[in-house]
PDB file of all heavy atoms in Angstrom:
ATOM      1  N   THR A   1      -4.142  10.889 -11.174  1.00  0.00           N
ATOM      2  CA  THR A   1      -5.423  10.163 -11.125  1.00  0.00           C
ATOM      3  C   THR A   1      -5.525   9.292 -12.350  1.00  0.00           C
ATOM      4  O   THR A   1      -5.922   8.063 -12.188  1.00  0.00           O
ATOM      5  CB  THR A   1      -6.603  11.119 -11.068  1.00  0.00           C
ATOM      6  OG1 THR A   1      -6.443  11.920  -9.864  1.00  0.00           O
ATOM      7  CG2 THR A   1      -7.908  10.390 -11.005  1.00  0.00           C
ATOM      8  N   ILE A   2      -5.217   9.797 -13.541  1.00  0.00           N
ATOM      9  CA  ILE A   2      -5.255   8.947 -14.751  1.00  0.00           C
ATOM     10  C   ILE A   2      -4.247   7.817 -14.696  1.00  0.00           C
ATOM     11  O   ILE A   2      -4.563   6.669 -15.042  1.00  0.00           O
ATOM     12  CB  ILE A   2      -5.058   9.830 -15.993  1.00  0.00           C
ATOM     13  CG1 ILE A   2      -6.237  10.859 -16.100  1.00  0.00           C
ATOM     14  CG2 ILE A   2      -4.854   9.000 -17.245  1.00  0.00           C
ATOM     15  CD1 ILE A   2      -5.939  11.966 -17.100  1.00  0.00           C
ATOM     16  N   LEU A   3      -3.067   8.154 -14.257  1.00  0.00           N
ATOM     17  CA  LEU A   3      -1.994   7.135 -14.187  1.00  0.00           C
ATOM     18  C   LEU A   3      -2.326   6.008 -13.175  1.00  0.00           C
ATOM     19  O   LEU A   3      -2.077   4.839 -13.397  1.00  0.00           O
ATOM     20  CB  LEU A   3      -0.652   7.737 -13.862  1.00  0.00           C
ATOM     21  CG  LEU A   3      -0.080   8.659 -14.976  1.00  0.00           C
ATOM     22  CD1 LEU A   3       1.136   9.442 -14.455  1.00  0.00           C
ATOM     23  CD2 LEU A   3       0.231   7.847 -16.208  1.00  0.00           C
ATOM     24  N   TYR A   4      -2.839   6.416 -12.009  1.00  0.00           N
ATOM     25  CA  TYR A   4      -3.222   5.375 -10.982  1.00  0.00           C
ATOM     26  C   TYR A   4      -4.285   4.484 -11.507  1.00  0.00           C
ATOM     27  O   TYR A   4      -4.308   3.288 -11.260  1.00  0.00           O
ATOM     28  CB  TYR A   4      -3.648   6.048  -9.696  1.00  0.00           C
ATOM     29  CG  TYR A   4      -2.526   6.627  -8.857  1.00  0.00           C
ATOM     30  CD1 TYR A   4      -2.736   7.746  -8.062  1.00  0.00           C
ATOM     31  CD2 TYR A   4      -1.261   6.071  -8.846  1.00  0.00           C
ATOM     32  CE1 TYR A   4      -1.746   8.291  -7.291  1.00  0.00           C
ATOM     33  CE2 TYR A   4      -0.233   6.586  -8.081  1.00  0.00           C
ATOM     34  CZ  TYR A   4      -0.504   7.711  -7.279  1.00  0.00           C
ATOM     35  OH  TYR A   4       0.533   8.231  -6.518  1.00  0.00           O
ATOM     36  N   ALA A   5      -5.296   5.023 -12.272  1.00  0.00           N
ATOM     37  CA  ALA A   5      -6.341   4.213 -12.829  1.00  0.00           C
ATOM     38  C   ALA A   5      -5.716   3.248 -13.865  1.00  0.00           C
ATOM     39  O   ALA A   5      -6.080   2.069 -13.896  1.00  0.00           O
ATOM     40  CB  ALA A   5      -7.400   5.076 -13.474  1.00  0.00           C
ATOM     41  N   ALA A   6      -4.848   3.734 -14.736  1.00  0.00           N
ATOM     42  CA  ALA A   6      -4.207   2.867 -15.756  1.00  0.00           C
ATOM     43  C   ALA A   6      -3.324   1.811 -15.091  1.00  0.00           C
ATOM     44  O   ALA A   6      -3.365   0.623 -15.522  1.00  0.00           O
ATOM     45  CB  ALA A   6      -3.380   3.713 -16.698  1.00  0.00           C
ATOM     46  N   MET A   7      -2.606   2.167 -14.041  1.00  0.00           N
ATOM     47  CA  MET A   7      -1.797   1.166 -13.292  1.00  0.00           C
ATOM     48  C   MET A   7      -2.720   0.090 -12.731  1.00  0.00           C
ATOM     49  O   MET A   7      -2.311  -1.112 -12.784  1.00  0.00           O
ATOM     50  CB  MET A   7      -1.069   1.834 -12.134  1.00  0.00           C
ATOM     51  CG  MET A   7       0.020   2.837 -12.518  1.00  0.00           C
ATOM     52  SD  MET A   7       0.493   3.973 -11.170  1.00  0.00           S
ATOM     53  CE  MET A   7       0.758   2.875  -9.804  1.00  0.00           C
ATOM     54  N   SER A   8      -3.801   0.465 -12.184  1.00  0.00           N
ATOM     55  CA  SER A   8      -4.730  -0.500 -11.542  1.00  0.00           C
ATOM     56  C   SER A   8      -5.276  -1.467 -12.621  1.00  0.00           C
ATOM     57  O   SER A   8      -5.306  -2.671 -12.383  1.00  0.00           O
ATOM     58  CB  SER A   8      -5.924   0.243 -10.896  1.00  0.00           C
ATOM     59  OG  SER A   8      -5.462   1.077  -9.865  1.00  0.00           O
ATOM     60  N   VAL A   9      -5.695  -0.937 -13.721  1.00  0.00           N
ATOM     61  CA  VAL A   9      -6.255  -1.795 -14.807  1.00  0.00           C
ATOM     62  C   VAL A   9      -5.112  -2.733 -15.330  1.00  0.00           C
ATOM     63  O   VAL A   9      -5.349  -3.907 -15.564  1.00  0.00           O
ATOM     64  CB  VAL A   9      -6.870  -0.963 -15.923  1.00  0.00           C
ATOM     65  CG1 VAL A   9      -7.261  -1.905 -17.107  1.00  0.00           C
ATOM     66  CG2 VAL A   9      -8.076  -0.201 -15.407  1.00  0.00           C
ATOM     67  N   SER A  10      -3.897  -2.212 -15.437  1.00  0.00           N
ATOM     68  CA  SER A  10      -2.801  -3.046 -15.850  1.00  0.00           C
ATOM     69  C   SER A  10      -2.579  -4.222 -14.931  1.00  0.00           C
ATOM     70  O   SER A  10      -2.437  -5.370 -15.392  1.00  0.00           O
ATOM     71  CB  SER A  10      -1.533  -2.203 -15.913  1.00  0.00           C
ATOM     72  OG  SER A  10      -0.419  -3.022 -16.261  1.00  0.00           O
ATOM     73  N   LEU A  11      -2.535  -3.982 -13.615  1.00  0.00           N
ATOM     74  CA  LEU A  11      -2.382  -5.066 -12.682  1.00  0.00           C
ATOM     75  C   LEU A  11      -3.525  -6.046 -12.778  1.00  0.00           C
ATOM     76  O   LEU A  11      -3.313  -7.213 -12.752  1.00  0.00           O
ATOM     77  CB  LEU A  11      -2.216  -4.515 -11.243  1.00  0.00           C
ATOM     78  CG  LEU A  11      -2.147  -5.593 -10.146  1.00  0.00           C
ATOM     79  CD1 LEU A  11      -0.803  -6.407 -10.369  1.00  0.00           C
ATOM     80  CD2 LEU A  11      -2.175  -5.025  -8.785  1.00  0.00           C
ATOM     81  N   TRP A  12      -4.722  -5.497 -12.881  1.00  0.00           N
ATOM     82  CA  TRP A  12      -5.930  -6.378 -12.955  1.00  0.00           C
ATOM     83  C   TRP A  12      -5.818  -7.282 -14.157  1.00  0.00           C
ATOM     84  O   TRP A  12      -6.096  -8.445 -14.078  1.00  0.00           O
ATOM     85  CB  TRP A  12      -7.163  -5.476 -12.981  1.00  0.00           C
ATOM     86  CG  TRP A  12      -8.456  -6.257 -13.160  1.00  0.00           C
ATOM     87  CD1 TRP A  12      -9.021  -7.076 -12.254  1.00  0.00           C
ATOM     88  CD2 TRP A  12      -9.252  -6.235 -14.322  1.00  0.00           C
ATOM     89  NE1 TRP A  12     -10.189  -7.556 -12.783  1.00  0.00           N
ATOM     90  CE2 TRP A  12     -10.374  -7.093 -14.049  1.00  0.00           C
ATOM     91  CE3 TRP A  12      -9.178  -5.586 -15.545  1.00  0.00           C
ATOM     92  CZ2 TRP A  12     -11.410  -7.317 -14.935  1.00  0.00           C
ATOM     93  CZ3 TRP A  12     -10.224  -5.799 -16.437  1.00  0.00           C
ATOM     94  CH2 TRP A  12     -11.283  -6.649 -16.131  1.00  0.00           C
ATOM     95  N   LEU A  13      -5.415  -6.721 -15.273  1.00  0.00           N
ATOM     96  CA  LEU A  13      -5.291  -7.529 -16.482  1.00  0.00           C
ATOM     97  C   LEU A  13      -4.193  -8.595 -16.303  1.00  0.00           C
ATOM     98  O   LEU A  13      -4.336  -9.745 -16.800  1.00  0.00           O
ATOM     99  CB  LEU A  13      -4.954  -6.681 -17.707  1.00  0.00           C
ATOM    100  CG  LEU A  13      -6.068  -5.767 -18.224  1.00  0.00           C
ATOM    101  CD1 LEU A  13      -5.510  -4.809 -19.299  1.00  0.00           C
ATOM    102  CD2 LEU A  13      -7.241  -6.557 -18.745  1.00  0.00           C
ATOM    103  N   ALA A  14      -3.186  -8.220 -15.617  1.00  0.00           N
ATOM    104  CA  ALA A  14      -2.042  -9.181 -15.386  1.00  0.00           C
ATOM    105  C   ALA A  14      -2.372 -10.310 -14.433  1.00  0.00           C
ATOM    106  O   ALA A  14      -1.854 -11.385 -14.562  1.00  0.00           O
ATOM    107  CB  ALA A  14      -0.810  -8.410 -14.887  1.00  0.00           C
ATOM    108  N   ILE A  15      -3.271 -10.085 -13.521  1.00  0.00           N
ATOM    109  CA  ILE A  15      -3.574 -11.112 -12.492  1.00  0.00           C
ATOM    110  C   ILE A  15      -4.937 -11.795 -12.638  1.00  0.00           C
ATOM    111  O   ILE A  15      -5.253 -12.624 -11.838  1.00  0.00           O
ATOM    112  CB  ILE A  15      -3.424 -10.528 -11.059  1.00  0.00           C
ATOM    113  CG1 ILE A  15      -4.558  -9.527 -10.778  1.00  0.00           C
ATOM    114  CG2 ILE A  15      -2.077  -9.980 -10.832  1.00  0.00           C
ATOM    115  CD1 ILE A  15      -4.629  -9.084  -9.337  1.00  0.00           C
ATOM    116  N   ARG A  16      -5.645 -11.489 -13.682  1.00  0.00           N
ATOM    117  CA  ARG A  16      -6.990 -12.066 -13.769  1.00  0.00           C
ATOM    118  C   ARG A  16      -7.025 -13.513 -14.261  1.00  0.00           C
ATOM    119  O   ARG A  16      -8.102 -14.058 -14.448  1.00  0.00           O
ATOM    120  CB  ARG A  16      -7.894 -11.185 -14.605  1.00  0.00           C
ATOM    121  CG  ARG A  16      -7.542 -11.079 -16.026  1.00  0.00           C
ATOM    122  CD  ARG A  16      -8.448 -10.085 -16.731  1.00  0.00           C
ATOM    123  NE  ARG A  16      -8.320 -10.399 -18.082  1.00  0.00           N
ATOM    124  CZ  ARG A  16      -9.197  -9.986 -18.990  1.00  0.00           C
ATOM    125  NH1 ARG A  16     -10.181  -9.249 -18.668  1.00  0.00           N
ATOM    126  NH2 ARG A  16      -9.027 -10.293 -20.281  1.00  0.00           N
ATOM    127  N   LYS A  17      -5.926 -14.132 -14.401  1.00  0.00           N
ATOM    128  CA  LYS A  17      -5.861 -15.544 -14.742  1.00  0.00           C
ATOM    129  C   LYS A  17      -6.004 -16.358 -13.468  1.00  0.00           C
ATOM    130  O   LYS A  17      -5.890 -15.860 -12.362  1.00  0.00           O
ATOM    131  CB  LYS A  17      -4.538 -15.885 -15.428  1.00  0.00           C
ATOM    132  CG  LYS A  17      -4.225 -15.013 -16.641  1.00  0.00           C
ATOM    133  CD  LYS A  17      -5.132 -15.336 -17.778  1.00  0.00           C
ATOM    134  CE  LYS A  17      -4.751 -14.497 -19.002  1.00  0.00           C
ATOM    135  NZ  LYS A  17      -5.640 -14.644 -20.063  1.00  0.00           N
ATOM    136  N   ASP A  18      -6.198 -17.653 -13.633  1.00  0.00           N
ATOM    137  CA  ASP A  18      -6.337 -18.536 -12.482  1.00  0.00           C
ATOM    138  C   ASP A  18      -5.135 -18.533 -11.536  1.00  0.00           C
ATOM    139  O   ASP A  18      -5.254 -18.624 -10.330  1.00  0.00           O
ATOM    140  CB  ASP A  18      -6.562 -19.987 -12.899  1.00  0.00           C
ATOM    141  CG  ASP A  18      -8.027 -20.209 -13.342  1.00  0.00           C
ATOM    142  OD1 ASP A  18      -8.900 -19.444 -12.950  1.00  0.00           O
ATOM    143  OD2 ASP A  18      -8.224 -21.197 -14.093  1.00  0.00           O
ATOM    144  N   ALA A  19      -3.929 -18.434 -12.080  1.00  0.00           N
ATOM    145  CA  ALA A  19      -2.717 -18.522 -11.283  1.00  0.00           C
ATOM    146  C   ALA A  19      -1.905 -17.195 -11.459  1.00  0.00           C
ATOM    147  O   ALA A  19      -0.955 -17.158 -12.142  1.00  0.00           O
ATOM    148  CB  ALA A  19      -1.866 -19.684 -11.690  1.00  0.00           C
ATOM    149  N   PRO A  20      -2.382 -16.120 -10.819  1.00  0.00           N
ATOM    150  CA  PRO A  20      -1.638 -14.871 -10.975  1.00  0.00           C
ATOM    151  C   PRO A  20      -0.264 -14.978 -10.351  1.00  0.00           C
ATOM    152  O   PRO A  20      -0.014 -15.723  -9.394  1.00  0.00           O
ATOM    153  CB  PRO A  20      -2.498 -13.866 -10.223  1.00  0.00           C
ATOM    154  CG  PRO A  20      -3.262 -14.683  -9.209  1.00  0.00           C
ATOM    155  CD  PRO A  20      -3.473 -16.014  -9.891  1.00  0.00           C
ATOM    156  N   SER A  21       0.640 -14.223 -10.934  1.00  0.00           N
ATOM    157  CA  SER A  21       2.040 -14.254 -10.456  1.00  0.00           C
ATOM    158  C   SER A  21       2.148 -13.433  -9.155  1.00  0.00           C
ATOM    159  O   SER A  21       1.876 -12.218  -9.166  1.00  0.00           O
ATOM    160  CB  SER A  21       2.912 -13.656 -11.513  1.00  0.00           C
ATOM    161  OG  SER A  21       4.214 -13.452 -10.959  1.00  0.00           O
ATOM    162  N   ARG A  22       2.531 -14.075  -8.091  1.00  0.00           N
ATOM    163  CA  ARG A  22       2.722 -13.384  -6.848  1.00  0.00           C
ATOM    164  C   ARG A  22       3.828 -12.334  -6.963  1.00  0.00           C
ATOM    165  O   ARG A  22       3.724 -11.282  -6.378  1.00  0.00           O
ATOM    166  CB  ARG A  22       3.082 -14.428  -5.760  1.00  0.00           C
ATOM    167  CG  ARG A  22       3.318 -13.791  -4.391  1.00  0.00           C
ATOM    168  CD  ARG A  22       3.419 -14.883  -3.299  1.00  0.00           C
ATOM    169  NE  ARG A  22       2.185 -14.939  -2.605  1.00  0.00           N
ATOM    170  CZ  ARG A  22       1.429 -16.022  -2.506  1.00  0.00           C
ATOM    171  NH1 ARG A  22       1.807 -17.127  -3.064  1.00  0.00           N
ATOM    172  NH2 ARG A  22       0.285 -16.035  -1.812  1.00  0.00           N
ATOM    173  N   ALA A  23       4.845 -12.644  -7.776  1.00  0.00           N
ATOM    174  CA  ALA A  23       5.943 -11.668  -7.992  1.00  0.00           C
ATOM    175  C   ALA A  23       5.399 -10.373  -8.621  1.00  0.00           C
ATOM    176  O   ALA A  23       5.865  -9.280  -8.261  1.00  0.00           O
ATOM    177  CB  ALA A  23       7.016 -12.296  -8.843  1.00  0.00           C
ATOM    178  N   THR A  24       4.468 -10.457  -9.557  1.00  0.00           N
ATOM    179  CA  THR A  24       3.914  -9.274 -10.151  1.00  0.00           C
ATOM    180  C   THR A  24       3.166  -8.460  -9.116  1.00  0.00           C
ATOM    181  O   THR A  24       3.253  -7.240  -9.101  1.00  0.00           O
ATOM    182  CB  THR A  24       2.962  -9.661 -11.310  1.00  0.00           C
ATOM    183  OG1 THR A  24       3.729 -10.413 -12.290  1.00  0.00           O
ATOM    184  CG2 THR A  24       2.369  -8.419 -11.984  1.00  0.00           C
ATOM    185  N   ILE A  25       2.417  -9.127  -8.290  1.00  0.00           N
ATOM    186  CA  ILE A  25       1.638  -8.412  -7.269  1.00  0.00           C
ATOM    187  C   ILE A  25       2.567  -7.744  -6.283  1.00  0.00           C
ATOM    188  O   ILE A  25       2.365  -6.581  -5.876  1.00  0.00           O
ATOM    189  CB  ILE A  25       0.664  -9.369  -6.524  1.00  0.00           C
ATOM    190  CG1 ILE A  25      -0.393  -9.878  -7.559  1.00  0.00           C
ATOM    191  CG2 ILE A  25      -0.011  -8.684  -5.339  1.00  0.00           C
ATOM    192  CD1 ILE A  25      -1.189 -11.050  -7.047  1.00  0.00           C
ATOM    193  N   VAL A  26       3.628  -8.441  -5.836  1.00  0.00           N
ATOM    194  CA  VAL A  26       4.580  -7.849  -4.902  1.00  0.00           C
ATOM    195  C   VAL A  26       5.310  -6.667  -5.559  1.00  0.00           C
ATOM    196  O   VAL A  26       5.455  -5.622  -4.960  1.00  0.00           O
ATOM    197  CB  VAL A  26       5.588  -8.928  -4.415  1.00  0.00           C
ATOM    198  CG1 VAL A  26       6.767  -8.296  -3.663  1.00  0.00           C
ATOM    199  CG2 VAL A  26       4.868  -9.953  -3.547  1.00  0.00           C
ATOM    200  N   LEU A  27       5.727  -6.856  -6.791  1.00  0.00           N
ATOM    201  CA  LEU A  27       6.410  -5.722  -7.531  1.00  0.00           C
ATOM    202  C   LEU A  27       5.478  -4.517  -7.632  1.00  0.00           C
ATOM    203  O   LEU A  27       5.930  -3.408  -7.462  1.00  0.00           O
ATOM    204  CB  LEU A  27       6.860  -6.206  -8.887  1.00  0.00           C
ATOM    205  CG  LEU A  27       7.632  -5.206  -9.753  1.00  0.00           C
ATOM    206  CD1 LEU A  27       8.877  -4.666  -8.982  1.00  0.00           C
ATOM    207  CD2 LEU A  27       8.053  -5.858 -11.076  1.00  0.00           C
ATOM    208  N   TYR A  28       4.224  -4.726  -7.917  1.00  0.00           N
ATOM    209  CA  TYR A  28       3.278  -3.673  -8.024  1.00  0.00           C
ATOM    210  C   TYR A  28       3.161  -2.966  -6.663  1.00  0.00           C
ATOM    211  O   TYR A  28       3.190  -1.729  -6.615  1.00  0.00           O
ATOM    212  CB  TYR A  28       1.883  -4.171  -8.430  1.00  0.00           C
ATOM    213  CG  TYR A  28       0.840  -3.069  -8.597  1.00  0.00           C
ATOM    214  CD1 TYR A  28       0.710  -2.437  -9.795  1.00  0.00           C
ATOM    215  CD2 TYR A  28       0.012  -2.697  -7.551  1.00  0.00           C
ATOM    216  CE1 TYR A  28      -0.225  -1.415  -9.987  1.00  0.00           C
ATOM    217  CE2 TYR A  28      -0.917  -1.682  -7.691  1.00  0.00           C
ATOM    218  CZ  TYR A  28      -1.033  -1.054  -8.940  1.00  0.00           C
ATOM    219  OH  TYR A  28      -1.951  -0.037  -9.087  1.00  0.00           O
ATOM    220  N   ALA A  29       3.050  -3.741  -5.592  1.00  0.00           N
ATOM    221  CA  ALA A  29       2.931  -3.118  -4.256  1.00  0.00           C
ATOM    222  C   ALA A  29       4.161  -2.323  -3.882  1.00  0.00           C
ATOM    223  O   ALA A  29       4.079  -1.231  -3.351  1.00  0.00           O
ATOM    224  CB  ALA A  29       2.663  -4.209  -3.215  1.00  0.00           C
ATOM    225  N   VAL A  30       5.332  -2.871  -4.170  1.00  0.00           N
ATOM    226  CA  VAL A  30       6.601  -2.188  -3.842  1.00  0.00           C
ATOM    227  C   VAL A  30       6.701  -0.869  -4.632  1.00  0.00           C
ATOM    228  O   VAL A  30       7.026   0.178  -4.052  1.00  0.00           O
ATOM    229  CB  VAL A  30       7.834  -3.086  -4.107  1.00  0.00           C
ATOM    230  CG1 VAL A  30       9.108  -2.323  -4.011  1.00  0.00           C
ATOM    231  CG2 VAL A  30       7.818  -4.234  -3.135  1.00  0.00           C
ATOM    232  N   GLN A  31       6.446  -0.901  -5.936  1.00  0.00           N
ATOM    233  CA  GLN A  31       6.527   0.300  -6.756  1.00  0.00           C
ATOM    234  C   GLN A  31       5.479   1.347  -6.264  1.00  0.00           C
ATOM    235  O   GLN A  31       5.746   2.530  -6.259  1.00  0.00           O
ATOM    236  CB  GLN A  31       6.476   0.071  -8.248  1.00  0.00           C
ATOM    237  CG  GLN A  31       5.151  -0.383  -8.829  1.00  0.00           C
ATOM    238  CD  GLN A  31       4.118   0.742  -8.956  1.00  0.00           C
ATOM    239  OE1 GLN A  31       4.461   1.858  -9.245  1.00  0.00           O
ATOM    240  NE2 GLN A  31       2.855   0.382  -8.830  1.00  0.00           N
ATOM    241  N   LEU A  32       4.334   0.884  -5.857  1.00  0.00           N
ATOM    242  CA  LEU A  32       3.292   1.816  -5.370  1.00  0.00           C
ATOM    243  C   LEU A  32       3.738   2.469  -4.065  1.00  0.00           C
ATOM    244  O   LEU A  32       3.570   3.682  -3.867  1.00  0.00           O
ATOM    245  CB  LEU A  32       1.974   1.084  -5.177  1.00  0.00           C
ATOM    246  CG  LEU A  32       0.766   1.992  -4.798  1.00  0.00           C
ATOM    247  CD1 LEU A  32       0.494   3.053  -5.842  1.00  0.00           C
ATOM    248  CD2 LEU A  32      -0.489   1.114  -4.571  1.00  0.00           C
ATOM    249  N   ILE A  33       4.370   1.707  -3.176  1.00  0.00           N
ATOM    250  CA  ILE A  33       4.853   2.284  -1.922  1.00  0.00           C
ATOM    251  C   ILE A  33       5.944   3.284  -2.215  1.00  0.00           C
ATOM    252  O   ILE A  33       5.971   4.355  -1.649  1.00  0.00           O
ATOM    253  CB  ILE A  33       5.357   1.156  -0.976  1.00  0.00           C
ATOM    254  CG1 ILE A  33       4.126   0.369  -0.459  1.00  0.00           C
ATOM    255  CG2 ILE A  33       6.170   1.719   0.181  1.00  0.00           C
ATOM    256  CD1 ILE A  33       4.484  -0.957   0.194  1.00  0.00           C
ATOM    257  N   VAL A  34       6.877   2.932  -3.111  1.00  0.00           N
ATOM    258  CA  VAL A  34       7.924   3.933  -3.471  1.00  0.00           C
ATOM    259  C   VAL A  34       7.315   5.127  -4.121  1.00  0.00           C
ATOM    260  O   VAL A  34       7.713   6.288  -3.780  1.00  0.00           O
ATOM    261  CB  VAL A  34       8.961   3.202  -4.444  1.00  0.00           C
ATOM    262  CG1 VAL A  34       9.908   4.234  -5.079  1.00  0.00           C
ATOM    263  CG2 VAL A  34       9.728   2.146  -3.704  1.00  0.00           C
ATOM    264  N   ASN A  35       6.324   4.930  -4.957  1.00  0.00           N
ATOM    265  CA  ASN A  35       5.624   6.054  -5.603  1.00  0.00           C
ATOM    266  C   ASN A  35       4.982   7.000  -4.531  1.00  0.00           C
ATOM    267  O   ASN A  35       5.138   8.202  -4.603  1.00  0.00           O
ATOM    268  CB  ASN A  35       4.539   5.488  -6.545  1.00  0.00           C
ATOM    269  CG  ASN A  35       3.707   6.557  -7.180  1.00  0.00           C
ATOM    270  OD1 ASN A  35       3.169   7.448  -6.558  1.00  0.00           O
ATOM    271  ND2 ASN A  35       3.523   6.421  -8.488  1.00  0.00           N
ATOM    272  N   LEU A  36       4.258   6.361  -3.611  1.00  0.00           N
ATOM    273  CA  LEU A  36       3.577   7.150  -2.589  1.00  0.00           C
ATOM    274  C   LEU A  36       4.471   7.840  -1.596  1.00  0.00           C
ATOM    275  O   LEU A  36       4.084   8.805  -0.945  1.00  0.00           O
ATOM    276  CB  LEU A  36       2.526   6.279  -1.904  1.00  0.00           C
ATOM    277  CG  LEU A  36       1.409   5.735  -2.812  1.00  0.00           C
ATOM    278  CD1 LEU A  36       0.509   4.757  -2.016  1.00  0.00           C
ATOM    279  CD2 LEU A  36       0.561   6.843  -3.423  1.00  0.00           C
ATOM    280  N   ALA A  37       5.691   7.332  -1.456  1.00  0.00           N
ATOM    281  CA  ALA A  37       6.661   7.986  -0.548  1.00  0.00           C
ATOM    282  C   ALA A  37       7.292   9.250  -1.165  1.00  0.00           C
ATOM    283  O   ALA A  37       7.708  10.095  -0.394  1.00  0.00           O
ATOM    284  CB  ALA A  37       7.760   6.974  -0.164  1.00  0.00           C
ATOM    285  N   TRP A  38       7.338   9.275  -2.473  1.00  0.00           N
ATOM    286  CA  TRP A  38       7.980  10.399  -3.132  1.00  0.00           C
ATOM    287  C   TRP A  38       7.497  11.800  -2.706  1.00  0.00           C
ATOM    288  O   TRP A  38       8.328  12.658  -2.444  1.00  0.00           O
ATOM    289  CB  TRP A  38       7.982  10.248  -4.657  1.00  0.00           C
ATOM    290  CG  TRP A  38       8.723  11.342  -5.322  1.00  0.00           C
ATOM    291  CD1 TRP A  38       9.998  11.386  -5.579  1.00  0.00           C
ATOM    292  CD2 TRP A  38       8.159  12.592  -5.755  1.00  0.00           C
ATOM    293  NE1 TRP A  38      10.377  12.576  -6.182  1.00  0.00           N
ATOM    294  CE2 TRP A  38       9.254  13.321  -6.322  1.00  0.00           C
ATOM    295  CE3 TRP A  38       6.908  13.167  -5.759  1.00  0.00           C
ATOM    296  CZ2 TRP A  38       9.085  14.593  -6.809  1.00  0.00           C
ATOM    297  CZ3 TRP A  38       6.739  14.411  -6.301  1.00  0.00           C
ATOM    298  CH2 TRP A  38       7.837  15.123  -6.804  1.00  0.00           C
ATOM    299  N   PRO A  39       6.215  12.055  -2.620  1.00  0.00           N
ATOM    300  CA  PRO A  39       5.762  13.396  -2.227  1.00  0.00           C
ATOM    301  C   PRO A  39       6.276  13.837  -0.846  1.00  0.00           C
ATOM    302  O   PRO A  39       6.538  15.029  -0.627  1.00  0.00           O
ATOM    303  CB  PRO A  39       4.224  13.308  -2.246  1.00  0.00           C
ATOM    304  CG  PRO A  39       3.946  12.243  -3.172  1.00  0.00           C
ATOM    305  CD  PRO A  39       5.071  11.244  -2.984  1.00  0.00           C
ATOM    306  N   PHE A  40       6.427  12.889   0.043  1.00  0.00           N
ATOM    307  CA  PHE A  40       6.981  13.240   1.363  1.00  0.00           C
ATOM    308  C   PHE A  40       8.463  13.671   1.243  1.00  0.00           C
ATOM    309  O   PHE A  40       8.876  14.596   1.889  1.00  0.00           O
ATOM    310  CB  PHE A  40       6.865  12.062   2.354  1.00  0.00           C
ATOM    311  CG  PHE A  40       5.436  11.719   2.646  1.00  0.00           C
ATOM    312  CD1 PHE A  40       4.829  10.622   2.059  1.00  0.00           C
ATOM    313  CD2 PHE A  40       4.652  12.494   3.484  1.00  0.00           C
ATOM    314  CE1 PHE A  40       3.493  10.282   2.345  1.00  0.00           C
ATOM    315  CE2 PHE A  40       3.336  12.219   3.778  1.00  0.00           C
ATOM    316  CZ  PHE A  40       2.776  11.115   3.237  1.00  0.00           C
ATOM    317  N   ILE A  41       9.177  12.974   0.385  1.00  0.00           N
ATOM    318  CA  ILE A  41      10.599  13.311   0.179  1.00  0.00           C
ATOM    319  C   ILE A  41      10.713  14.687  -0.473  1.00  0.00           C
ATOM    320  O   ILE A  41      11.504  15.558  -0.013  1.00  0.00           O
ATOM    321  CB  ILE A  41      11.312  12.249  -0.650  1.00  0.00           C
ATOM    322  CG1 ILE A  41      11.314  10.917   0.131  1.00  0.00           C
ATOM    323  CG2 ILE A  41      12.721  12.652  -1.000  1.00  0.00           C
ATOM    324  CD1 ILE A  41      11.705   9.720  -0.716  1.00  0.00           C
TER     325      ILE A  41
END
């Protein structure tokens, strides 16, 4: 819970500029999907 909140704030800080990096958003989404798949494995 603490880590997910910190991850969220990190992404928010990274994309709050006028031109957020699409690559950062995609990388965040991919790592989150990999993260969320782990408990099933």
